[in-house]
Amino acid sequence: MAEGIHRSHPAIVKRLKRAQGHLAAVLSMFEAHRPCVDLAQQLHAVESAISSAKRELIHDHIEHCLTDTAEAGGNSLAELKQLAKFL
């Protein structure tokens, strides 16, 4: 694959587009004055979808890029520490 693109990226983009659709629905729900419990439930679903996409991206990066960096004699520990702040 091209530099910076992983096999997992299309699936992550699909998840994020789904989350984007859910977020648009939540905005419509606000405009329709839906109950707060319904809004909170849908916002939680959006948050979970985004969190899942982020986790998948980070795990994929650790599995592929950091391994390659370490094998090439690079400083994968520094990059892992940088990624850790996003977990």
Protein backbone atom coordinates (compact mmCIF):
# COMPACT_ATOMS: atom_id res chain seq x y z
CA MET A 1 0.00 0.00 0.00
CA ALA A 2 1.03 3.62 -0.41
CA GLU A 3 3.00 5.36 2.33
CA GLY A 4 0.71 6.34 5.19
CA ILE A 5 -2.20 4.20 4.00
CA HIS A 6 -3.04 0.97 5.78
CA ARG A 7 -5.41 -1.84 4.92
CA SER A 8 -7.58 -0.81 7.86
CA HIS A 9 -8.09 2.76 6.61
CA PRO A 10 -11.09 2.06 4.31
CA ALA A 11 -12.92 0.34 7.19
CA ILE A 12 -12.07 3.23 9.51
CA VAL A 13 -13.33 5.76 6.95
CA LYS A 14 -16.55 3.74 6.67
CA ARG A 15 -17.00 3.87 10.46
CA LEU A 16 -16.36 7.60 10.54
CA LYS A 17 -18.84 8.25 7.73
CA ARG A 18 -21.43 6.26 9.67
CA ALA A 19 -20.65 8.34 12.78
CA GLN A 20 -20.95 11.48 10.66
CA GLY A 21 -24.44 10.38 9.61
CA HIS A 22 -25.39 9.69 13.21
CA LEU A 23 -24.11 13.10 14.25
CA ALA A 24 -26.21 14.76 11.55
CA ALA A 25 -29.21 12.84 12.91
CA VAL A 26 -28.43 14.07 16.43
CA LEU A 27 -28.38 17.66 15.20
CA SER A 28 -31.79 17.10 13.63
CA MET A 29 -32.99 15.62 16.89
CA PHE A 30 -31.90 18.79 18.71
CA GLU A 31 -33.79 20.91 16.21
CA ALA A 32 -36.86 18.70 16.70
CA HIS A 33 -36.62 19.20 20.49
CA ARG A 34 -36.29 15.47 21.18
CA PRO A 35 -35.96 14.34 24.81
CA CYS A 36 -32.55 14.75 26.42
CA VAL A 37 -32.28 11.03 27.15
CA ASP A 38 -32.65 10.26 23.44
CA LEU A 39 -30.06 12.91 22.59
CA ALA A 40 -27.60 11.59 25.16
CA GLN A 41 -28.05 8.04 23.88
CA GLN A 42 -27.33 9.06 20.30
CA LEU A 43 -24.37 11.24 21.28
CA HIS A 44 -22.98 8.26 23.18
CA ALA A 45 -23.29 6.15 20.02
CA VAL A 46 -21.43 8.80 17.99
CA GLU A 47 -18.72 9.05 20.64
CA SER A 48 -18.32 5.27 20.76
CA ALA A 49 -18.04 5.02 16.97
CA ILE A 50 -15.33 7.69 16.85
CA SER A 51 -13.48 6.15 19.78
CA SER A 52 -13.57 2.75 18.10
CA ALA A 53 -12.20 4.20 14.86
CA LYS A 54 -9.39 5.94 16.75
CA ARG A 55 -8.51 2.78 18.64
CA GLU A 56 -8.42 0.74 15.42
CA LEU A 57 -6.15 3.32 13.77
CA ILE A 58 -3.74 3.37 16.70
CA HIS A 59 -3.64 -0.42 17.05
CA ASP A 60 -3.03 -0.82 13.32
CA HIS A 61 -0.26 1.76 13.44
CA ILE A 62 1.40 0.03 16.40
CA GLU A 63 1.14 -3.36 14.73
CA HIS A 64 2.51 -2.30 11.35
CA CYS A 65 4.40 0.98 11.46
CA LEU A 66 6.09 0.69 14.84
CA THR A 67 7.17 -2.86 14.09
CA ASP A 68 8.66 -1.71 10.78
CA THR A 69 10.36 1.24 12.50
CA ALA A 70 11.88 -0.99 15.16
CA GLU A 71 13.08 -3.51 12.58
CA ALA A 72 14.69 -0.69 10.61
CA GLY A 73 16.54 0.47 13.73
CA GLY A 74 14.31 3.50 14.31
CA ASN A 75 13.04 4.91 17.57
CA SER A 76 9.67 3.21 17.88
CA LEU A 77 9.54 3.84 21.65
CA ALA A 78 9.40 7.60 21.13
CA GLU A 79 6.58 7.21 18.62
CA LEU A 80 4.71 4.85 20.95
CA LYS A 81 4.95 7.43 23.73
CA GLN A 82 3.59 10.05 21.34
CA LEU A 83 0.66 7.77 20.44
CA ALA A 84 -0.08 6.94 24.08
CA LYS A 85 -1.47 10.40 24.74
CA PHE A 86 -4.32 9.62 22.31
CA LEU A 87 -5.37 6.40 24.05
